[in-house]
Amino acid sequence: GIEAPAIIVVGAVADLRERIAWFEDRPLFGRRLVVTRSREQAGS
């Protein structure tokens, strides 16, 4: 289901992802969470 906007990387470097992927491994990645605090306090 890959759609625009997307970057296509062609090259052997793409194989390095298996070992050094970091961003998508974070515990809440892909979760949409609601913050109900007031606008003045929501930032933290």
PDB file of all heavy atoms in Angstrom:
ATOM      1  N   GLY A   1       0.805  -1.221   0.000  1.00  0.00           N
ATOM      2  CA  GLY A   1       0.000   0.000   0.000  1.00  0.00           C
ATOM      3  C   GLY A   1       0.832   1.262   0.000  1.00  0.00           C
ATOM      4  O   GLY A   1       0.383   2.308   0.490  1.00  0.00           O
ATOM      5  N   ILE A   2       2.047   1.206  -0.538  1.00  0.00           N
ATOM      6  CA  ILE A   2       2.901   2.393  -0.603  1.00  0.00           C
ATOM      7  C   ILE A   2       2.345   3.353  -1.645  1.00  0.00           C
ATOM      8  O   ILE A   2       2.149   2.997  -2.801  1.00  0.00           O
ATOM      9  CB  ILE A   2       4.354   2.019  -0.956  1.00  0.00           C
ATOM     10  CG1 ILE A   2       4.945   1.079   0.091  1.00  0.00           C
ATOM     11  CG2 ILE A   2       5.202   3.278  -1.112  1.00  0.00           C
ATOM     12  CD1 ILE A   2       5.174   1.698   1.447  1.00  0.00           C
ATOM     13  N   GLU A   3       2.106   4.583  -1.222  1.00  0.00           N
ATOM     14  CA  GLU A   3       1.598   5.622  -2.108  1.00  0.00           C
ATOM     15  C   GLU A   3       2.431   6.883  -1.941  1.00  0.00           C
ATOM     16  O   GLU A   3       3.285   6.966  -1.058  1.00  0.00           O
ATOM     17  CB  GLU A   3       0.130   5.917  -1.787  1.00  0.00           C
ATOM     18  CG  GLU A   3      -0.811   4.730  -1.959  1.00  0.00           C
ATOM     19  CD  GLU A   3      -2.230   5.054  -1.548  1.00  0.00           C
ATOM     20  OE1 GLU A   3      -2.424   6.096  -0.871  1.00  0.00           O
ATOM     21  OE2 GLU A   3      -3.138   4.284  -1.880  1.00  0.00           O
ATOM     22  N   ALA A   4       2.165   7.871  -2.780  1.00  0.00           N
ATOM     23  CA  ALA A   4       2.846   9.162  -2.649  1.00  0.00           C
ATOM     24  C   ALA A   4       2.380   9.841  -1.354  1.00  0.00           C
ATOM     25  O   ALA A   4       1.239   9.644  -0.928  1.00  0.00           O
ATOM     26  CB  ALA A   4       2.533  10.036  -3.849  1.00  0.00           C
ATOM     27  N   PRO A   5       3.264  10.618  -0.708  1.00  0.00           N
ATOM     28  CA  PRO A   5       4.638  10.923  -1.093  1.00  0.00           C
ATOM     29  C   PRO A   5       5.603   9.838  -0.611  1.00  0.00           C
ATOM     30  O   PRO A   5       5.489   9.356   0.523  1.00  0.00           O
ATOM     31  CB  PRO A   5       4.907  12.247  -0.387  1.00  0.00           C
ATOM     32  CG  PRO A   5       4.070  12.162   0.854  1.00  0.00           C
ATOM     33  CD  PRO A   5       2.833  11.397   0.474  1.00  0.00           C
ATOM     34  N   ALA A   6       6.511   9.443  -1.472  1.00  0.00           N
ATOM     35  CA  ALA A   6       7.470   8.405  -1.092  1.00  0.00           C
ATOM     36  C   ALA A   6       8.774   8.609  -1.848  1.00  0.00           C
ATOM     37  O   ALA A   6       8.789   9.154  -2.955  1.00  0.00           O
ATOM     38  CB  ALA A   6       6.910   7.015  -1.383  1.00  0.00           C
ATOM     39  N   ILE A   7       9.848   8.173  -1.218  1.00  0.00           N
ATOM     40  CA  ILE A   7      11.182   8.184  -1.822  1.00  0.00           C
ATOM     41  C   ILE A   7      11.541   6.748  -2.185  1.00  0.00           C
ATOM     42  O   ILE A   7      11.311   5.820  -1.398  1.00  0.00           O
ATOM     43  CB  ILE A   7      12.221   8.761  -0.844  1.00  0.00           C
ATOM     44  CG1 ILE A   7      11.970  10.248  -0.622  1.00  0.00           C
ATOM     45  CG2 ILE A   7      13.649   8.532  -1.351  1.00  0.00           C
ATOM     46  CD1 ILE A   7      12.202  11.125  -1.839  1.00  0.00           C
ATOM     47  N   ILE A   8      12.108   6.557  -3.379  1.00  0.00           N
ATOM     48  CA  ILE A   8      12.559   5.242  -3.827  1.00  0.00           C
ATOM     49  C   ILE A   8      14.087   5.235  -3.809  1.00  0.00           C
ATOM     50  O   ILE A   8      14.716   6.061  -4.464  1.00  0.00           O
ATOM     51  CB  ILE A   8      12.054   4.941  -5.253  1.00  0.00           C
ATOM     52  CG1 ILE A   8      10.527   5.039  -5.312  1.00  0.00           C
ATOM     53  CG2 ILE A   8      12.532   3.557  -5.714  1.00  0.00           C
ATOM     54  CD1 ILE A   8       9.972   5.068  -6.727  1.00  0.00           C
ATOM     55  N   VAL A   9      14.668   4.328  -3.035  1.00  0.00           N
ATOM     56  CA  VAL A   9      16.123   4.234  -2.914  1.00  0.00           C
ATOM     57  C   VAL A   9      16.570   2.950  -3.599  1.00  0.00           C
ATOM     58  O   VAL A   9      16.190   1.853  -3.191  1.00  0.00           O
ATOM     59  CB  VAL A   9      16.569   4.208  -1.434  1.00  0.00           C
ATOM     60  CG1 VAL A   9      18.091   4.218  -1.332  1.00  0.00           C
ATOM     61  CG2 VAL A   9      15.961   5.375  -0.672  1.00  0.00           C
ATOM     62  N   VAL A  10      17.385   3.102  -4.630  1.00  0.00           N
ATOM     63  CA  VAL A  10      17.903   1.950  -5.365  1.00  0.00           C
ATOM     64  C   VAL A  10      19.389   1.817  -5.071  1.00  0.00           C
ATOM     65  O   VAL A  10      20.161   2.744  -5.329  1.00  0.00           O
ATOM     66  CB  VAL A  10      17.671   2.099  -6.880  1.00  0.00           C
ATOM     67  CG1 VAL A  10      18.185   0.863  -7.625  1.00  0.00           C
ATOM     68  CG2 VAL A  10      16.193   2.329  -7.182  1.00  0.00           C
ATOM     69  N   GLY A  11      19.780   0.685  -4.518  1.00  0.00           N
ATOM     70  CA  GLY A  11      21.190   0.476  -4.217  1.00  0.00           C
ATOM     71  C   GLY A  11      21.395  -0.477  -3.065  1.00  0.00           C
ATOM     72  O   GLY A  11      20.471  -0.762  -2.288  1.00  0.00           O
ATOM     73  N   ALA A  12      22.625  -0.965  -2.933  1.00  0.00           N
ATOM     74  CA  ALA A  12      22.944  -1.966  -1.910  1.00  0.00           C
ATOM     75  C   ALA A  12      22.738  -1.448  -0.499  1.00  0.00           C
ATOM     76  O   ALA A  12      22.546  -2.237   0.443  1.00  0.00           O
ATOM     77  CB  ALA A  12      24.389  -2.435  -2.092  1.00  0.00           C
ATOM     78  N   VAL A  13      22.722  -0.116  -0.310  1.00  0.00           N
ATOM     79  CA  VAL A  13      22.547   0.449   1.036  1.00  0.00           C
ATOM     80  C   VAL A  13      21.196   0.081   1.630  1.00  0.00           C
ATOM     81  O   VAL A  13      21.028   0.080   2.847  1.00  0.00           O
ATOM     82  CB  VAL A  13      22.703   1.988   1.027  1.00  0.00           C
ATOM     83  CG1 VAL A  13      24.149   2.402   0.754  1.00  0.00           C
ATOM     84  CG2 VAL A  13      21.761   2.626   0.007  1.00  0.00           C
ATOM     85  N   ALA A  14      20.214  -0.246   0.761  1.00  0.00           N
ATOM     86  CA  ALA A  14      18.878  -0.588   1.270  1.00  0.00           C
ATOM     87  C   ALA A  14      18.919  -1.815   2.162  1.00  0.00           C
ATOM     88  O   ALA A  14      18.081  -1.975   3.055  1.00  0.00           O
ATOM     89  CB  ALA A  14      17.916  -0.804   0.107  1.00  0.00           C
ATOM     90  N   ASP A  15      19.905  -2.692   1.952  1.00  0.00           N
ATOM     91  CA  ASP A  15      20.019  -3.895   2.782  1.00  0.00           C
ATOM     92  C   ASP A  15      20.433  -3.588   4.217  1.00  0.00           C
ATOM     93  O   ASP A  15      20.247  -4.415   5.112  1.00  0.00           O
ATOM     94  CB  ASP A  15      21.043  -4.865   2.164  1.00  0.00           C
ATOM     95  CG  ASP A  15      20.385  -5.846   1.204  1.00  0.00           C
ATOM     96  OD1 ASP A  15      19.142  -5.931   1.219  1.00  0.00           O
ATOM     97  OD2 ASP A  15      21.100  -6.505   0.442  1.00  0.00           O
ATOM     98  N   LEU A  16      21.004  -2.399   4.452  1.00  0.00           N
ATOM     99  CA  LEU A  16      21.463  -2.034   5.801  1.00  0.00           C
ATOM    100  C   LEU A  16      20.298  -1.779   6.747  1.00  0.00           C
ATOM    101  O   LEU A  16      20.469  -1.806   7.965  1.00  0.00           O
ATOM    102  CB  LEU A  16      22.371  -0.806   5.739  1.00  0.00           C
ATOM    103  CG  LEU A  16      23.708  -1.009   5.009  1.00  0.00           C
ATOM    104  CD1 LEU A  16      24.406   0.320   4.794  1.00  0.00           C
ATOM    105  CD2 LEU A  16      24.600  -1.956   5.794  1.00  0.00           C
ATOM    106  N   ARG A  17      19.114  -1.527   6.194  1.00  0.00           N
ATOM    107  CA  ARG A  17      17.945  -1.239   7.038  1.00  0.00           C
ATOM    108  C   ARG A  17      17.696  -2.349   8.050  1.00  0.00           C
ATOM    109  O   ARG A  17      17.312  -2.087   9.196  1.00  0.00           O
ATOM    110  CB  ARG A  17      16.705  -1.047   6.159  1.00  0.00           C
ATOM    111  CG  ARG A  17      15.408  -1.043   6.953  1.00  0.00           C
ATOM    112  CD  ARG A  17      14.209  -0.803   6.069  1.00  0.00           C
ATOM    113  NE  ARG A  17      12.977  -1.195   6.742  1.00  0.00           N
ATOM    114  CZ  ARG A  17      12.349  -0.472   7.672  1.00  0.00           C
ATOM    115  NH1 ARG A  17      12.852   0.683   8.055  1.00  0.00           N
ATOM    116  NH2 ARG A  17      11.227  -0.909   8.216  1.00  0.00           N
ATOM    117  N   GLU A  18      17.903  -3.599   7.640  1.00  0.00           N
ATOM    118  CA  GLU A  18      17.620  -4.727   8.520  1.00  0.00           C
ATOM    119  C   GLU A  18      18.389  -4.636   9.827  1.00  0.00           C
ATOM    120  O   GLU A  18      17.912  -5.077  10.873  1.00  0.00           O
ATOM    121  CB  GLU A  18      17.957  -6.035   7.797  1.00  0.00           C
ATOM    122  CG  GLU A  18      17.580  -7.278   8.580  1.00  0.00           C
ATOM    123  CD  GLU A  18      17.848  -8.553   7.806  1.00  0.00           C
ATOM    124  OE1 GLU A  18      18.091  -8.467   6.577  1.00  0.00           O
ATOM    125  OE2 GLU A  18      17.823  -9.630   8.424  1.00  0.00           O
ATOM    126  N   ARG A  19      19.569  -3.995   9.787  1.00  0.00           N
ATOM    127  CA  ARG A  19      20.415  -3.923  10.982  1.00  0.00           C
ATOM    128  C   ARG A  19      20.335  -2.583  11.705  1.00  0.00           C
ATOM    129  O   ARG A  19      20.576  -2.531  12.916  1.00  0.00           O
ATOM    130  CB  ARG A  19      21.875  -4.211  10.595  1.00  0.00           C
ATOM    131  CG  ARG A  19      22.149  -5.683  10.307  1.00  0.00           C
ATOM    132  CD  ARG A  19      23.598  -5.902   9.889  1.00  0.00           C
ATOM    133  NE  ARG A  19      23.829  -5.493   8.505  1.00  0.00           N
ATOM    134  CZ  ARG A  19      25.034  -5.334   7.966  1.00  0.00           C
ATOM    135  NH1 ARG A  19      26.114  -5.510   8.698  1.00  0.00           N
ATOM    136  NH2 ARG A  19      25.157  -4.987   6.701  1.00  0.00           N
ATOM    137  N   ILE A  20      20.035  -1.515  10.992  1.00  0.00           N
ATOM    138  CA  ILE A  20      20.104  -0.201  11.656  1.00  0.00           C
ATOM    139  C   ILE A  20      18.784   0.575  11.627  1.00  0.00           C
ATOM    140  O   ILE A  20      18.765   1.770  11.901  1.00  0.00           O
ATOM    141  CB  ILE A  20      21.241   0.674  11.070  1.00  0.00           C
ATOM    142  CG1 ILE A  20      21.013   0.944   9.572  1.00  0.00           C
ATOM    143  CG2 ILE A  20      22.585   0.030  11.315  1.00  0.00           C
ATOM    144  CD1 ILE A  20      22.065   1.903   8.999  1.00  0.00           C
ATOM    145  N   ALA A  21      17.678  -0.084  11.319  1.00  0.00           N
ATOM    146  CA  ALA A  21      16.380   0.594  11.429  1.00  0.00           C
ATOM    147  C   ALA A  21      16.185   1.056  12.872  1.00  0.00           C
ATOM    148  O   ALA A  21      16.451   0.309  13.807  1.00  0.00           O
ATOM    149  CB  ALA A  21      15.258  -0.342  11.002  1.00  0.00           C
ATOM    150  N   TRP A  22      15.717   2.260  13.059  1.00  0.00           N
ATOM    151  CA  TRP A  22      15.590   2.795  14.421  1.00  0.00           C
ATOM    152  C   TRP A  22      14.257   3.526  14.641  1.00  0.00           C
ATOM    153  O   TRP A  22      13.618   3.392  15.673  1.00  0.00           O
ATOM    154  CB  TRP A  22      16.733   3.766  14.735  1.00  0.00           C
ATOM    155  CG  TRP A  22      16.781   4.951  13.808  1.00  0.00           C
ATOM    156  CD1 TRP A  22      17.346   5.000  12.567  1.00  0.00           C
ATOM    157  CD2 TRP A  22      16.197   6.238  14.026  1.00  0.00           C
ATOM    158  NE1 TRP A  22      17.149   6.245  11.998  1.00  0.00           N
ATOM    159  CE2 TRP A  22      16.460   7.030  12.869  1.00  0.00           C
ATOM    160  CE3 TRP A  22      15.482   6.809  15.080  1.00  0.00           C
ATOM    161  CZ2 TRP A  22      16.027   8.344  12.745  1.00  0.00           C
ATOM    162  CZ3 TRP A  22      15.054   8.130  14.963  1.00  0.00           C
ATOM    163  CH2 TRP A  22      15.339   8.883  13.802  1.00  0.00           C
ATOM    164  N   PHE A  23      13.821   4.291  13.666  1.00  0.00           N
ATOM    165  CA  PHE A  23      12.674   5.164  13.864  1.00  0.00           C
ATOM    166  C   PHE A  23      11.388   4.373  14.073  1.00  0.00           C
ATOM    167  O   PHE A  23      10.587   4.660  14.969  1.00  0.00           O
ATOM    168  CB  PHE A  23      12.552   6.089  12.651  1.00  0.00           C
ATOM    169  CG  PHE A  23      11.456   7.109  12.750  1.00  0.00           C
ATOM    170  CD1 PHE A  23      11.487   8.099  13.718  1.00  0.00           C
ATOM    171  CD2 PHE A  23      10.388   7.102  11.856  1.00  0.00           C
ATOM    172  CE1 PHE A  23      10.490   9.053  13.803  1.00  0.00           C
ATOM    173  CE2 PHE A  23       9.390   8.041  11.925  1.00  0.00           C
ATOM    174  CZ  PHE A  23       9.443   9.015  12.901  1.00  0.00           C
ATOM    175  N   GLU A  24      11.170   3.360  13.265  1.00  0.00           N
ATOM    176  CA  GLU A  24       9.932   2.590  13.329  1.00  0.00           C
ATOM    177  C   GLU A  24       9.940   1.553  14.437  1.00  0.00           C
ATOM    178  O   GLU A  24       8.929   0.876  14.664  1.00  0.00           O
ATOM    179  CB  GLU A  24       9.680   1.913  11.975  1.00  0.00           C
ATOM    180  CG  GLU A  24       9.441   2.910  10.855  1.00  0.00           C
ATOM    181  CD  GLU A  24       9.578   2.289   9.479  1.00  0.00           C
ATOM    182  OE1 GLU A  24       9.018   1.194   9.273  1.00  0.00           O
ATOM    183  OE2 GLU A  24      10.248   2.884   8.619  1.00  0.00           O
ATOM    184  N   ASP A  25      11.064   1.417  15.144  1.00  0.00           N
ATOM    185  CA  ASP A  25      11.156   0.454  16.241  1.00  0.00           C
ATOM    186  C   ASP A  25      10.752   1.047  17.589  1.00  0.00           C
ATOM    187  O   ASP A  25      10.758   0.354  18.601  1.00  0.00           O
ATOM    188  CB  ASP A  25      12.587  -0.087  16.351  1.00  0.00           C
ATOM    189  CG  ASP A  25      12.922  -1.049  15.221  1.00  0.00           C
ATOM    190  OD1 ASP A  25      11.974  -1.517  14.556  1.00  0.00           O
ATOM    191  OD2 ASP A  25      14.101  -1.318  14.996  1.00  0.00           O
ATOM    192  N   ARG A  26      10.440   2.323  17.623  1.00  0.00           N
ATOM    193  CA  ARG A  26      10.076   2.955  18.896  1.00  0.00           C
ATOM    194  C   ARG A  26       8.746   2.403  19.407  1.00  0.00           C
ATOM    195  O   ARG A  26       7.884   1.996  18.618  1.00  0.00           O
ATOM    196  CB  ARG A  26      10.034   4.474  18.725  1.00  0.00           C
ATOM    197  CG  ARG A  26      11.408   5.047  18.400  1.00  0.00           C
ATOM    198  CD  ARG A  26      11.380   6.549  18.217  1.00  0.00           C
ATOM    199  NE  ARG A  26      10.500   6.922  17.125  1.00  0.00           N
ATOM    200  CZ  ARG A  26      10.137   8.181  16.876  1.00  0.00           C
ATOM    201  NH1 ARG A  26      10.586   9.162  17.652  1.00  0.00           N
ATOM    202  NH2 ARG A  26       9.349   8.457  15.861  1.00  0.00           N
ATOM    203  N   PRO A  27       8.573   2.351  20.725  1.00  0.00           N
ATOM    204  CA  PRO A  27       7.439   1.604  21.313  1.00  0.00           C
ATOM    205  C   PRO A  27       6.057   2.083  20.905  1.00  0.00           C
ATOM    206  O   PRO A  27       5.117   1.286  20.887  1.00  0.00           O
ATOM    207  CB  PRO A  27       7.655   1.753  22.825  1.00  0.00           C
ATOM    208  CG  PRO A  27       8.612   2.892  22.990  1.00  0.00           C
ATOM    209  CD  PRO A  27       9.467   2.891  21.770  1.00  0.00           C
ATOM    210  N   LEU A  28       5.895   3.367  20.593  1.00  0.00           N
ATOM    211  CA  LEU A  28       4.565   3.879  20.254  1.00  0.00           C
ATOM    212  C   LEU A  28       4.426   4.179  18.762  1.00  0.00           C
ATOM    213  O   LEU A  28       3.457   4.824  18.342  1.00  0.00           O
ATOM    214  CB  LEU A  28       4.254   5.144  21.064  1.00  0.00           C
ATOM    215  CG  LEU A  28       4.223   4.969  22.587  1.00  0.00           C
ATOM    216  CD1 LEU A  28       3.909   6.292  23.270  1.00  0.00           C
ATOM    217  CD2 LEU A  28       3.215   3.897  22.999  1.00  0.00           C
ATOM    218  N   PHE A  29       5.382   3.710  17.961  1.00  0.00           N
ATOM    219  CA  PHE A  29       5.339   4.034  16.540  1.00  0.00           C
ATOM    220  C   PHE A  29       4.064   3.491  15.893  1.00  0.00           C
ATOM    221  O   PHE A  29       3.663   2.342  16.123  1.00  0.00           O
ATOM    222  CB  PHE A  29       6.544   3.453  15.798  1.00  0.00           C
ATOM    223  CG  PHE A  29       6.565   3.866  14.347  1.00  0.00           C
ATOM    224  CD1 PHE A  29       7.051   5.103  13.985  1.00  0.00           C
ATOM    225  CD2 PHE A  29       6.061   3.036  13.370  1.00  0.00           C
ATOM    226  CE1 PHE A  29       7.033   5.509  12.664  1.00  0.00           C
ATOM    227  CE2 PHE A  29       6.039   3.424  12.045  1.00  0.00           C
ATOM    228  CZ  PHE A  29       6.533   4.664  11.695  1.00  0.00           C
ATOM    229  N   GLY A  30       3.432   4.344  15.084  1.00  0.00           N
ATOM    230  CA  GLY A  30       2.221   3.933  14.384  1.00  0.00           C
ATOM    231  C   GLY A  30       0.954   4.054  15.201  1.00  0.00           C
ATOM    232  O   GLY A  30      -0.138   3.804  14.684  1.00  0.00           O
ATOM    233  N   ARG A  31       1.073   4.445  16.474  1.00  0.00           N
ATOM    234  CA  ARG A  31      -0.116   4.606  17.321  1.00  0.00           C
ATOM    235  C   ARG A  31      -0.587   6.059  17.272  1.00  0.00           C
ATOM    236  O   ARG A  31       0.220   6.981  17.360  1.00  0.00           O
ATOM    237  CB  ARG A  31       0.197   4.236  18.769  1.00  0.00           C
ATOM    238  CG  ARG A  31       0.784   2.847  18.952  1.00  0.00           C
ATOM    239  CD  ARG A  31      -0.217   1.759  18.639  1.00  0.00           C
ATOM    240  NE  ARG A  31       0.325   0.429  18.907  1.00  0.00           N
ATOM    241  CZ  ARG A  31      -0.369  -0.694  18.770  1.00  0.00           C
ATOM    242  NH1 ARG A  31      -1.623  -0.645  18.362  1.00  0.00           N
ATOM    243  NH2 ARG A  31       0.190  -1.863  19.021  1.00  0.00           N
ATOM    244  N   ARG A  32      -1.894   6.235  17.148  1.00  0.00           N
ATOM    245  CA  ARG A  32      -2.454   7.584  17.228  1.00  0.00           C
ATOM    246  C   ARG A  32      -3.105   7.729  18.601  1.00  0.00           C
ATOM    247  O   ARG A  32      -4.061   7.039  18.928  1.00  0.00           O
ATOM    248  CB  ARG A  32      -3.477   7.824  16.120  1.00  0.00           C
ATOM    249  CG  ARG A  32      -4.100   9.223  16.197  1.00  0.00           C
ATOM    250  CD  ARG A  32      -5.068   9.460  15.066  1.00  0.00           C
ATOM    251  NE  ARG A  32      -4.386   9.807  13.837  1.00  0.00           N
ATOM    252  CZ  ARG A  32      -4.985   9.869  12.647  1.00  0.00           C
ATOM    253  NH1 ARG A  32      -6.265   9.597  12.553  1.00  0.00           N
ATOM    254  NH2 ARG A  32      -4.320  10.203  11.571  1.00  0.00           N
ATOM    255  N   LEU A  33      -2.546   8.644  19.388  1.00  0.00           N
ATOM    256  CA  LEU A  33      -2.988   8.812  20.769  1.00  0.00           C
ATOM    257  C   LEU A  33      -3.537  10.212  20.985  1.00  0.00           C
ATOM    258  O   LEU A  33      -3.037  11.194  20.416  1.00  0.00           O
ATOM    259  CB  LEU A  33      -1.816   8.554  21.728  1.00  0.00           C
ATOM    260  CG  LEU A  33      -1.182   7.164  21.599  1.00  0.00           C
ATOM    261  CD1 LEU A  33       0.063   7.069  22.458  1.00  0.00           C
ATOM    262  CD2 LEU A  33      -2.176   6.075  21.989  1.00  0.00           C
ATOM    263  N   VAL A  34      -4.542  10.291  21.834  1.00  0.00           N
ATOM    264  CA  VAL A  34      -5.227  11.556  22.092  1.00  0.00           C
ATOM    265  C   VAL A  34      -4.721  12.153  23.402  1.00  0.00           C
ATOM    266  O   VAL A  34      -4.652  11.457  24.428  1.00  0.00           O
ATOM    267  CB  VAL A  34      -6.752  11.345  22.168  1.00  0.00           C
ATOM    268  CG1 VAL A  34      -7.464  12.651  22.520  1.00  0.00           C
ATOM    269  CG2 VAL A  34      -7.266  10.793  20.843  1.00  0.00           C
ATOM    270  N   VAL A  35      -4.380  13.424  23.367  1.00  0.00           N
ATOM    271  CA  VAL A  35      -3.979  14.174  24.558  1.00  0.00           C
ATOM    272  C   VAL A  35      -5.124  15.107  24.913  1.00  0.00           C
ATOM    273  O   VAL A  35      -5.525  15.957  24.105  1.00  0.00           O
ATOM    274  CB  VAL A  35      -2.681  14.964  24.309  1.00  0.00           C
ATOM    275  CG1 VAL A  35      -2.392  15.910  25.472  1.00  0.00           C
ATOM    276  CG2 VAL A  35      -1.518  14.008  24.105  1.00  0.00           C
ATOM    277  N   THR A  36      -5.668  14.938  26.109  1.00  0.00           N
ATOM    278  CA  THR A  36      -6.851  15.701  26.515  1.00  0.00           C
ATOM    279  C   THR A  36      -6.522  16.892  27.411  1.00  0.00           C
ATOM    280  O   THR A  36      -7.421  17.532  27.938  1.00  0.00           O
ATOM    281  CB  THR A  36      -7.846  14.781  27.259  1.00  0.00           C
ATOM    282  OG1 THR A  36      -7.176  14.183  28.382  1.00  0.00           O
ATOM    283  CG2 THR A  36      -8.357  13.682  26.350  1.00  0.00           C
ATOM    284  N   ARG A  37      -5.250  17.172  27.589  1.00  0.00           N
ATOM    285  CA  ARG A  37      -4.881  18.308  28.442  1.00  0.00           C
ATOM    286  C   ARG A  37      -5.231  19.624  27.759  1.00  0.00           C
ATOM    287  O   ARG A  37      -5.429  19.690  26.544  1.00  0.00           O
ATOM    288  CB  ARG A  37      -3.374  18.293  28.738  1.00  0.00           C
ATOM    289  CG  ARG A  37      -2.861  17.012  29.349  1.00  0.00           C
ATOM    290  CD  ARG A  37      -1.431  17.167  29.804  1.00  0.00           C
ATOM    291  NE  ARG A  37      -1.364  17.642  31.183  1.00  0.00           N
ATOM    292  CZ  ARG A  37      -0.262  18.128  31.746  1.00  0.00           C
ATOM    293  NH1 ARG A  37       0.849  18.226  31.057  1.00  0.00           N
ATOM    294  NH2 ARG A  37      -0.265  18.518  33.002  1.00  0.00           N
ATOM    295  N   SER A  38      -5.286  20.680  28.529  1.00  0.00           N
ATOM    296  CA  SER A  38      -5.550  21.996  27.963  1.00  0.00           C
ATOM    297  C   SER A  38      -4.437  22.362  26.994  1.00  0.00           C
ATOM    298  O   SER A  38      -3.314  21.835  27.066  1.00  0.00           O
ATOM    299  CB  SER A  38      -5.623  23.054  29.071  1.00  0.00           C
ATOM    300  OG  SER A  38      -4.348  23.222  29.667  1.00  0.00           O
ATOM    301  N   ARG A  39      -4.730  23.257  26.062  1.00  0.00           N
ATOM    302  CA  ARG A  39      -3.736  23.654  25.061  1.00  0.00           C
ATOM    303  C   ARG A  39      -2.475  24.196  25.719  1.00  0.00           C
ATOM    304  O   ARG A  39      -1.362  24.007  25.222  1.00  0.00           O
ATOM    305  CB  ARG A  39      -4.345  24.712  24.132  1.00  0.00           C
ATOM    306  CG  ARG A  39      -3.585  24.876  22.829  1.00  0.00           C
ATOM    307  CD  ARG A  39      -4.370  25.769  21.882  1.00  0.00           C
ATOM    308  NE  ARG A  39      -5.691  25.265  21.586  1.00  0.00           N
ATOM    309  CZ  ARG A  39      -5.942  24.298  20.713  1.00  0.00           C
ATOM    310  NH1 ARG A  39      -4.946  23.718  20.070  1.00  0.00           N
ATOM    311  NH2 ARG A  39      -7.181  23.908  20.490  1.00  0.00           N
ATOM    312  N   GLU A  40      -2.648  24.860  26.860  1.00  0.00           N
ATOM    313  CA  GLU A  40      -1.487  25.435  27.548  1.00  0.00           C
ATOM    314  C   GLU A  40      -0.585  24.360  28.128  1.00  0.00           C
ATOM    315  O   GLU A  40       0.611  24.578  28.316  1.00  0.00           O
ATOM    316  CB  GLU A  40      -1.960  26.364  28.680  1.00  0.00           C
ATOM    317  CG  GLU A  40      -2.731  27.596  28.209  1.00  0.00           C
ATOM    318  CD  GLU A  40      -4.212  27.316  27.979  1.00  0.00           C
ATOM    319  OE1 GLU A  40      -4.643  26.150  28.087  1.00  0.00           O
ATOM    320  OE2 GLU A  40      -4.935  28.277  27.672  1.00  0.00           O
ATOM    321  N   GLN A  41      -1.126  23.193  28.430  1.00  0.00           N
ATOM    322  CA  GLN A  41      -0.359  22.146  29.089  1.00  0.00           C
ATOM    323  C   GLN A  41      -0.023  20.962  28.194  1.00  0.00           C
ATOM    324  O   GLN A  41       0.776  20.116  28.564  1.00  0.00           O
ATOM    325  CB  GLN A  41      -1.152  21.616  30.294  1.00  0.00           C
ATOM    326  CG  GLN A  41      -1.238  22.581  31.462  1.00  0.00           C
ATOM    327  CD  GLN A  41      -1.975  21.950  32.624  1.00  0.00           C
ATOM    328  OE1 GLN A  41      -3.124  21.551  32.503  1.00  0.00           O
ATOM    329  NE2 GLN A  41      -1.317  21.835  33.760  1.00  0.00           N
ATOM    330  N   ALA A  42      -0.641  20.888  27.023  1.00  0.00           N
ATOM    331  CA  ALA A  42      -0.517  19.689  26.189  1.00  0.00           C
ATOM    332  C   ALA A  42       0.897  19.445  25.700  1.00  0.00           C
ATOM    333  O   ALA A  42       1.293  18.308  25.443  1.00  0.00           O
ATOM    334  CB  ALA A  42      -1.472  19.785  24.999  1.00  0.00           C
ATOM    335  N   GLY A  43       1.690  20.520  25.569  1.00  0.00           N
ATOM    336  CA  GLY A  43       2.994  20.415  24.926  1.00  0.00           C
ATOM    337  C   GLY A  43       3.912  19.353  25.479  1.00  0.00           C
ATOM    338  O   GLY A  43       4.517  18.583  24.722  1.00  0.00           O
ATOM    339  N   SER A  44       4.038  19.263  26.806  1.00  0.00           N
ATOM    340  CA  SER A  44       4.999  18.336  27.395  1.00  0.00           C
ATOM    341  C   SER A  44       4.608  16.889  27.126  1.00  0.00           C
ATOM    342  O   SER A  44       5.448  16.069  26.723  1.00  0.00           O
ATOM    343  CB  SER A  44       5.124  18.571  28.905  1.00  0.00           C
ATOM    344  OG  SER A  44       3.851  18.423  29.545  1.00  0.00           O
TER     345      SER A  44
END
